[in-house]
Amino acid sequence: ARSVVLVGANHGMFHVFDGRAGAPGGQELFAYIPVTSLGHMGNLLFPYVAADKNNQKFQHRYFVDGQITVSDVNIGGTWKTVAVVASGAGGRSVFALDITNPSSISVLWEINDRITGASNAAIRDNIGYVLGKPVIVPFKTAAGAVSWKAIFGNGYNSTGQKATLFVVDVATGTTSTIVASETPALPYNGLGNVSVVDTKRRNAANDAWIDGRDGFADAGYGADQ
């Protein structure tokens, strides 16, 4: 397998570079601009004018500076390598890339606060600045269907200002949100880093849950604001 280097940058792009030590190592293989960067990249065109001192037209802002998680996942019976990336303080967005073949990298999905449509209101209202590290885990339904999920806290300063857990299907981008039920409701909240654990398995008769591990996610823990 060819090694790659993944890095976000404060000019609005997420880059994938050839990670080999010799030539052609260091060459850019792929770059992606998340939707949340697009509206601000024009700011980068303003030059620094020494005479203006502290009154520059250019204003520093973050772009793609969130945390990155890389994992092997099984999609449709085929093993692939994916990267799930948060834009961090640069924007309310999380996206996923298929980096299995460094010569043919593709975007799997992006969720952000710019998504339109009534069916996406839960995403749009609850996604914040995700500063935590996404977790990628296998998940098994009660009916036995297996899929891989990217799980992360919604971060901070979302429109809804509620602590929300995001569960995104790695293959399709289908998103579920779990909003924390709090009494009394807090005026400002968000969910940071999460940890997902495997603590239960079915017994030999397959009629009850018992302590142990079966390789699938059972519970998630997270700290809110």
C-alpha atoms as a PDB file:
ATOM      1  CA  ALA A   1       0.000   0.000   0.000  1.00  0.00           C
ATOM      2  CA  ARG A   2       1.217   3.503  -0.813  1.00  0.00           C
ATOM      3  CA  SER A   3       1.570   5.866   2.150  1.00  0.00           C
ATOM      4  CA  VAL A   4      -0.072   9.285   2.042  1.00  0.00           C
ATOM      5  CA  VAL A   5       0.039  12.415   4.174  1.00  0.00           C
ATOM      6  CA  LEU A   6      -3.249  14.138   5.021  1.00  0.00           C
ATOM      7  CA  VAL A   7      -3.316  17.769   6.102  1.00  0.00           C
ATOM      8  CA  GLY A   8      -5.788  20.605   6.400  1.00  0.00           C
ATOM      9  CA  ALA A   9      -4.691  24.181   5.809  1.00  0.00           C
ATOM     10  CA  ASN A  10      -5.740  27.747   6.508  1.00  0.00           C
ATOM     11  CA  HIS A  11      -6.099  28.583   2.844  1.00  0.00           C
ATOM     12  CA  GLY A  12      -9.348  26.622   2.660  1.00  0.00           C
ATOM     13  CA  MET A  13      -8.213  23.233   1.345  1.00  0.00           C
ATOM     14  CA  PHE A  14      -7.665  19.730   2.646  1.00  0.00           C
ATOM     15  CA  HIS A  15      -4.690  18.076   0.941  1.00  0.00           C
ATOM     16  CA  VAL A  16      -3.506  14.532   0.291  1.00  0.00           C
ATOM     17  CA  PHE A  17       0.211  14.203  -0.527  1.00  0.00           C
ATOM     18  CA  ASP A  18       2.259  11.238  -1.673  1.00  0.00           C
ATOM     19  CA  GLY A  19       3.943  10.022   1.503  1.00  0.00           C
ATOM     20  CA  ARG A  20       6.830   8.080  -0.022  1.00  0.00           C
ATOM     21  CA  ALA A  21      10.358   9.057   0.980  1.00  0.00           C
ATOM     22  CA  GLY A  22      11.750   9.150  -2.569  1.00  0.00           C
ATOM     23  CA  ALA A  23      10.422  10.614  -5.796  1.00  0.00           C
ATOM     24  CA  PRO A  24       7.573  11.236  -6.447  1.00  0.00           C
ATOM     25  CA  GLY A  25       7.038  11.607  -2.697  1.00  0.00           C
ATOM     26  CA  GLY A  26       5.708  14.975  -1.591  1.00  0.00           C
ATOM     27  CA  GLN A  27       3.603  15.551  -4.682  1.00  0.00           C
ATOM     28  CA  GLU A  28      -0.015  16.545  -4.163  1.00  0.00           C
ATOM     29  CA  LEU A  29      -2.442  13.778  -5.087  1.00  0.00           C
ATOM     30  CA  PHE A  30      -5.760  15.399  -4.208  1.00  0.00           C
ATOM     31  CA  ALA A  31      -7.248  18.549  -2.692  1.00  0.00           C
ATOM     32  CA  TYR A  32     -10.756  19.216  -1.431  1.00  0.00           C
ATOM     33  CA  ILE A  33     -12.445  22.503  -0.549  1.00  0.00           C
ATOM     34  CA  PRO A  34     -15.315  22.008   1.912  1.00  0.00           C
ATOM     35  CA  VAL A  35     -18.435  24.070   1.316  1.00  0.00           C
ATOM     36  CA  THR A  36     -17.804  26.087   4.477  1.00  0.00           C
ATOM     37  CA  SER A  37     -14.516  27.407   3.046  1.00  0.00           C
ATOM     38  CA  LEU A  38     -15.850  28.600  -0.304  1.00  0.00           C
ATOM     39  CA  GLY A  39     -17.475  31.829   0.838  1.00  0.00           C
ATOM     40  CA  HIS A  40     -14.349  33.078   2.589  1.00  0.00           C
ATOM     41  CA  MET A  41     -11.479  32.246   0.244  1.00  0.00           C
ATOM     42  CA  GLY A  42     -11.686  35.628  -1.487  1.00  0.00           C
ATOM     43  CA  ASN A  43     -10.327  37.110   1.735  1.00  0.00           C
ATOM     44  CA  LEU A  44      -7.005  35.442   0.932  1.00  0.00           C
ATOM     45  CA  LEU A  45      -6.535  37.693  -2.104  1.00  0.00           C
ATOM     46  CA  PHE A  46      -6.076  40.854  -0.047  1.00  0.00           C
ATOM     47  CA  PRO A  47      -2.369  41.681   0.144  1.00  0.00           C
ATOM     48  CA  TYR A  48      -0.586  42.883   3.232  1.00  0.00           C
ATOM     49  CA  VAL A  49      -0.056  46.652   3.030  1.00  0.00           C
ATOM     50  CA  ALA A  50       2.646  47.795   5.428  1.00  0.00           C
ATOM     51  CA  ALA A  51       1.389  51.388   5.483  1.00  0.00           C
ATOM     52  CA  ASP A  52      -2.027  50.240   6.750  1.00  0.00           C
ATOM     53  CA  LYS A  53      -0.437  48.677   9.847  1.00  0.00           C
ATOM     54  CA  ASN A  54      -3.303  47.241  11.943  1.00  0.00           C
ATOM     55  CA  ASN A  55      -6.018  48.313   9.500  1.00  0.00           C
ATOM     56  CA  GLN A  56      -5.513  45.539   6.940  1.00  0.00           C
ATOM     57  CA  LYS A  57      -8.352  44.457   4.663  1.00  0.00           C
ATOM     58  CA  PHE A  58      -7.216  40.884   5.228  1.00  0.00           C
ATOM     59  CA  GLN A  59      -8.618  39.367   8.413  1.00  0.00           C
ATOM     60  CA  HIS A  60      -7.253  36.111   9.770  1.00  0.00           C
ATOM     61  CA  ARG A  61      -9.743  33.255  10.006  1.00  0.00           C
ATOM     62  CA  TYR A  62      -9.587  29.496  10.300  1.00  0.00           C
ATOM     63  CA  PHE A  63     -10.444  27.268   7.359  1.00  0.00           C
ATOM     64  CA  VAL A  64      -9.715  23.517   7.621  1.00  0.00           C
ATOM     65  CA  ASP A  65      -8.036  22.869  10.955  1.00  0.00           C
ATOM     66  CA  GLY A  66     -10.080  20.067  12.519  1.00  0.00           C
ATOM     67  CA  GLN A  67      -9.045  16.577  13.507  1.00  0.00           C
ATOM     68  CA  ILE A  68      -8.690  13.643  11.098  1.00  0.00           C
ATOM     69  CA  THR A  69      -9.581   9.974  11.588  1.00  0.00           C
ATOM     70  CA  VAL A  70      -8.430   7.262   9.153  1.00  0.00           C
ATOM     71  CA  SER A  71      -9.803   3.716   9.254  1.00  0.00           C
ATOM     72  CA  ASP A  72     -10.416   0.643   7.139  1.00  0.00           C
ATOM     73  CA  VAL A  73     -14.120  -0.034   6.611  1.00  0.00           C
ATOM     74  CA  ASN A  74     -16.123  -2.660   4.772  1.00  0.00           C
ATOM     75  CA  ILE A  75     -18.449  -1.185   2.137  1.00  0.00           C
ATOM     76  CA  GLY A  76     -20.571  -3.596   0.121  1.00  0.00           C
ATOM     77  CA  GLY A  77     -18.248  -6.505   0.901  1.00  0.00           C
ATOM     78  CA  THR A  78     -15.109  -4.600  -0.139  1.00  0.00           C
ATOM     79  CA  TRP A  79     -12.529  -3.253   2.283  1.00  0.00           C
ATOM     80  CA  LYS A  80     -11.705   0.411   1.798  1.00  0.00           C
ATOM     81  CA  THR A  81      -9.670   3.057   3.607  1.00  0.00           C
ATOM     82  CA  VAL A  82     -11.494   6.262   4.472  1.00  0.00           C
ATOM     83  CA  ALA A  83     -10.631   9.546   6.138  1.00  0.00           C
ATOM     84  CA  VAL A  84     -13.255  11.472   8.115  1.00  0.00           C
ATOM     85  CA  VAL A  85     -12.275  15.103   8.611  1.00  0.00           C
ATOM     86  CA  ALA A  86     -13.738  17.910  10.718  1.00  0.00           C
ATOM     87  CA  SER A  87     -13.282  21.506   9.590  1.00  0.00           C
ATOM     88  CA  GLY A  88     -12.781  22.458  13.233  1.00  0.00           C
ATOM     89  CA  ALA A  89     -12.904  26.189  13.952  1.00  0.00           C
ATOM     90  CA  GLY A  90     -12.946  26.842  10.199  1.00  0.00           C
ATOM     91  CA  GLY A  91     -16.558  25.901   9.608  1.00  0.00           C
ATOM     92  CA  ARG A  92     -19.526  23.837  10.684  1.00  0.00           C
ATOM     93  CA  SER A  93     -18.753  20.791   8.561  1.00  0.00           C
ATOM     94  CA  VAL A  94     -17.448  17.218   8.540  1.00  0.00           C
ATOM     95  CA  PHE A  95     -16.560  15.319   5.363  1.00  0.00           C
ATOM     96  CA  ALA A  96     -15.272  11.912   4.301  1.00  0.00           C
ATOM     97  CA  LEU A  97     -12.869  10.814   1.572  1.00  0.00           C
ATOM     98  CA  ASP A  98     -12.225   7.388   0.079  1.00  0.00           C
ATOM     99  CA  ILE A  99      -8.409   7.198   0.023  1.00  0.00           C
ATOM    100  CA  THR A 100      -8.140   3.477  -0.759  1.00  0.00           C
ATOM    101  CA  ASN A 101      -6.429   4.149  -4.074  1.00  0.00           C
ATOM    102  CA  PRO A 102      -4.220   7.264  -3.800  1.00  0.00           C
ATOM    103  CA  SER A 103      -4.419   7.651  -7.575  1.00  0.00           C
ATOM    104  CA  SER A 104      -8.222   7.814  -7.512  1.00  0.00           C
ATOM    105  CA  ILE A 105      -9.369   9.576  -4.319  1.00  0.00           C
ATOM    106  CA  SER A 106     -13.041  10.514  -4.094  1.00  0.00           C
ATOM    107  CA  VAL A 107     -15.356  12.456  -1.806  1.00  0.00           C
ATOM    108  CA  LEU A 108     -17.912  10.254  -0.060  1.00  0.00           C
ATOM    109  CA  TRP A 109     -19.986  12.974   1.614  1.00  0.00           C
ATOM    110  CA  GLU A 110     -19.993  16.263   3.462  1.00  0.00           C
ATOM    111  CA  ILE A 111     -22.452  17.426   6.101  1.00  0.00           C
ATOM    112  CA  ASN A 112     -22.584  21.107   6.996  1.00  0.00           C
ATOM    113  CA  ASP A 113     -24.813  23.981   8.033  1.00  0.00           C
ATOM    114  CA  ARG A 114     -25.335  25.004   4.390  1.00  0.00           C
ATOM    115  CA  ILE A 115     -27.421  21.937   3.541  1.00  0.00           C
ATOM    116  CA  THR A 116     -30.864  22.964   2.306  1.00  0.00           C
ATOM    117  CA  GLY A 117     -34.246  21.253   2.464  1.00  0.00           C
ATOM    118  CA  ALA A 118     -36.652  20.481   5.270  1.00  0.00           C
ATOM    119  CA  SER A 119     -35.401  16.883   5.551  1.00  0.00           C
ATOM    120  CA  ASN A 120     -31.930  18.174   6.472  1.00  0.00           C
ATOM    121  CA  ALA A 121     -33.067  20.556   9.200  1.00  0.00           C
ATOM    122  CA  ALA A 122     -31.699  18.350  11.990  1.00  0.00           C
ATOM    123  CA  ILE A 123     -28.245  18.424  10.391  1.00  0.00           C
ATOM    124  CA  ARG A 124     -28.304  22.110   9.548  1.00  0.00           C
ATOM    125  CA  ASP A 125     -29.507  23.208  12.984  1.00  0.00           C
ATOM    126  CA  ASN A 126     -27.295  20.944  15.089  1.00  0.00           C
ATOM    127  CA  ILE A 127     -23.914  20.844  13.360  1.00  0.00           C
ATOM    128  CA  GLY A 128     -21.464  23.196  15.036  1.00  0.00           C
ATOM    129  CA  TYR A 129     -17.737  23.770  14.974  1.00  0.00           C
ATOM    130  CA  VAL A 130     -16.589  20.183  15.507  1.00  0.00           C
ATOM    131  CA  LEU A 131     -13.356  20.302  17.499  1.00  0.00           C
ATOM    132  CA  GLY A 132     -13.437  16.675  18.658  1.00  0.00           C
ATOM    133  CA  LYS A 133     -11.953  13.708  16.800  1.00  0.00           C
ATOM    134  CA  PRO A 134     -14.464  11.612  14.825  1.00  0.00           C
ATOM    135  CA  VAL A 135     -14.709   7.916  15.675  1.00  0.00           C
ATOM    136  CA  ILE A 136     -15.197   5.245  12.979  1.00  0.00           C
ATOM    137  CA  VAL A 137     -16.740   1.978  14.210  1.00  0.00           C
ATOM    138  CA  PRO A 138     -18.649  -1.078  12.941  1.00  0.00           C
ATOM    139  CA  PHE A 139     -22.321  -1.105  13.899  1.00  0.00           C
ATOM    140  CA  LYS A 140     -24.809  -3.984  13.921  1.00  0.00           C
ATOM    141  CA  THR A 141     -28.578  -3.559  14.048  1.00  0.00           C
ATOM    142  CA  ALA A 142     -30.967  -5.815  15.957  1.00  0.00           C
ATOM    143  CA  ALA A 143     -31.822  -7.424  12.620  1.00  0.00           C
ATOM    144  CA  GLY A 144     -28.156  -8.271  12.036  1.00  0.00           C
ATOM    145  CA  ALA A 145     -27.334  -5.691   9.356  1.00  0.00           C
ATOM    146  CA  VAL A 146     -23.734  -4.481   9.618  1.00  0.00           C
ATOM    147  CA  SER A 147     -22.471  -1.061   8.542  1.00  0.00           C
ATOM    148  CA  TRP A 148     -19.697   1.360   9.470  1.00  0.00           C
ATOM    149  CA  LYS A 149     -20.468   4.657  11.154  1.00  0.00           C
ATOM    150  CA  ALA A 150     -18.638   7.901  11.741  1.00  0.00           C
ATOM    151  CA  ILE A 151     -19.643   9.160  15.178  1.00  0.00           C
ATOM    152  CA  PHE A 152     -18.820  12.579  16.618  1.00  0.00           C
ATOM    153  CA  GLY A 153     -20.124  15.314  18.870  1.00  0.00           C
ATOM    154  CA  ASN A 154     -21.727  18.269  17.108  1.00  0.00           C
ATOM    155  CA  GLY A 155     -19.179  20.716  18.513  1.00  0.00           C
ATOM    156  CA  TYR A 156     -19.939  24.249  19.574  1.00  0.00           C
ATOM    157  CA  ASN A 157     -21.950  27.286  18.510  1.00  0.00           C
ATOM    158  CA  SER A 158     -24.505  25.391  16.437  1.00  0.00           C
ATOM    159  CA  THR A 159     -27.731  27.129  15.468  1.00  0.00           C
ATOM    160  CA  GLY A 160     -29.727  24.974  17.882  1.00  0.00           C
ATOM    161  CA  GLN A 161     -27.171  25.302  20.711  1.00  0.00           C
ATOM    162  CA  LYS A 162     -27.887  21.758  21.914  1.00  0.00           C
ATOM    163  CA  ALA A 163     -25.531  18.883  22.729  1.00  0.00           C
ATOM    164  CA  THR A 164     -26.034  16.469  19.833  1.00  0.00           C
ATOM    165  CA  LEU A 165     -24.454  13.174  18.811  1.00  0.00           C
ATOM    166  CA  PHE A 166     -24.011  12.659  15.067  1.00  0.00           C
ATOM    167  CA  VAL A 167     -24.040   9.136  13.596  1.00  0.00           C
ATOM    168  CA  VAL A 168     -23.188   9.112   9.887  1.00  0.00           C
ATOM    169  CA  ASP A 169     -23.148   6.060   7.627  1.00  0.00           C
ATOM    170  CA  VAL A 170     -19.644   6.052   6.154  1.00  0.00           C
ATOM    171  CA  ALA A 171     -20.761   4.556   2.829  1.00  0.00           C
ATOM    172  CA  THR A 172     -23.823   6.697   2.131  1.00  0.00           C
ATOM    173  CA  GLY A 173     -23.638   9.787   4.330  1.00  0.00           C
ATOM    174  CA  THR A 174     -27.070   9.013   5.795  1.00  0.00           C
ATOM    175  CA  THR A 175     -27.128  10.915   9.067  1.00  0.00           C
ATOM    176  CA  SER A 176     -28.887  10.383  12.391  1.00  0.00           C
ATOM    177  CA  THR A 177     -28.788  12.897  15.214  1.00  0.00           C
ATOM    178  CA  ILE A 178     -29.369  12.231  18.907  1.00  0.00           C
ATOM    179  CA  VAL A 179     -30.108  15.407  20.869  1.00  0.00           C
ATOM    180  CA  ALA A 180     -29.416  15.333  24.602  1.00  0.00           C
ATOM    181  CA  SER A 181     -32.548  15.726  26.733  1.00  0.00           C
ATOM    182  CA  GLU A 182     -31.794  18.258  29.444  1.00  0.00           C
ATOM    183  CA  THR A 183     -33.977  19.712  32.190  1.00  0.00           C
ATOM    184  CA  PRO A 184     -33.787  22.609  32.502  1.00  0.00           C
ATOM    185  CA  ALA A 185     -32.628  23.235  28.945  1.00  0.00           C
ATOM    186  CA  LEU A 186     -29.331  25.095  28.738  1.00  0.00           C
ATOM    187  CA  PRO A 187     -29.185  28.249  26.589  1.00  0.00           C
ATOM    188  CA  TYR A 188     -25.818  27.278  25.065  1.00  0.00           C
ATOM    189  CA  ASN A 189     -24.471  23.758  24.703  1.00  0.00           C
ATOM    190  CA  GLY A 190     -22.555  21.427  22.418  1.00  0.00           C
ATOM    191  CA  LEU A 191     -20.944  17.991  22.464  1.00  0.00           C
ATOM    192  CA  GLY A 192     -17.161  17.599  22.318  1.00  0.00           C
ATOM    193  CA  ASN A 193     -15.043  14.470  22.080  1.00  0.00           C
ATOM    194  CA  VAL A 194     -16.832  11.119  22.186  1.00  0.00           C
ATOM    195  CA  SER A 195     -15.705   7.606  23.011  1.00  0.00           C
ATOM    196  CA  VAL A 196     -17.480   4.538  21.626  1.00  0.00           C
ATOM    197  CA  VAL A 197     -17.138   1.168  23.379  1.00  0.00           C
ATOM    198  CA  ASP A 198     -17.975  -2.488  22.793  1.00  0.00           C
ATOM    199  CA  THR A 199     -19.228  -4.072  26.033  1.00  0.00           C
ATOM    200  CA  LYS A 200     -21.949  -6.600  25.148  1.00  0.00           C
ATOM    201  CA  ARG A 201     -22.453  -9.711  23.043  1.00  0.00           C
ATOM    202  CA  ARG A 202     -25.226 -12.254  22.493  1.00  0.00           C
ATOM    203  CA  ASN A 203     -25.179 -15.501  24.459  1.00  0.00           C
ATOM    204  CA  ALA A 204     -24.821 -18.938  22.855  1.00  0.00           C
ATOM    205  CA  ALA A 205     -28.600 -19.256  22.460  1.00  0.00           C
ATOM    206  CA  ASN A 206     -28.779 -15.771  20.940  1.00  0.00           C
ATOM    207  CA  ASP A 207     -31.659 -14.813  23.190  1.00  0.00           C
ATOM    208  CA  ALA A 208     -29.994 -12.414  25.645  1.00  0.00           C
ATOM    209  CA  TRP A 209     -27.201  -9.867  25.972  1.00  0.00           C
ATOM    210  CA  ILE A 210     -24.272 -10.720  28.220  1.00  0.00           C
ATOM    211  CA  ASP A 211     -21.021  -9.013  29.171  1.00  0.00           C
ATOM    212  CA  GLY A 212     -18.321  -9.447  26.558  1.00  0.00           C
ATOM    213  CA  ARG A 213     -17.308  -8.203  23.155  1.00  0.00           C
ATOM    214  CA  ASP A 214     -18.532  -8.991  19.672  1.00  0.00           C
ATOM    215  CA  GLY A 215     -16.612  -6.375  17.710  1.00  0.00           C
ATOM    216  CA  PHE A 216     -19.535  -3.964  17.295  1.00  0.00           C
ATOM    217  CA  ALA A 217     -20.256  -0.617  18.938  1.00  0.00           C
ATOM    218  CA  ASP A 218     -22.613  -0.706  21.905  1.00  0.00           C
ATOM    219  CA  ALA A 219     -22.464   2.649  23.665  1.00  0.00           C
ATOM    220  CA  GLY A 220     -21.018   6.116  23.290  1.00  0.00           C
ATOM    221  CA  TYR A 221     -19.874   8.625  25.889  1.00  0.00           C
ATOM    222  CA  GLY A 222     -19.296  12.320  25.406  1.00  0.00           C
ATOM    223  CA  ALA A 223     -18.743  15.506  27.379  1.00  0.00           C
ATOM    224  CA  ASP A 224     -20.896  18.546  26.696  1.00  0.00           C
ATOM    225  CA  GLN A 225     -20.140  22.199  27.038  1.00  0.00           C
END
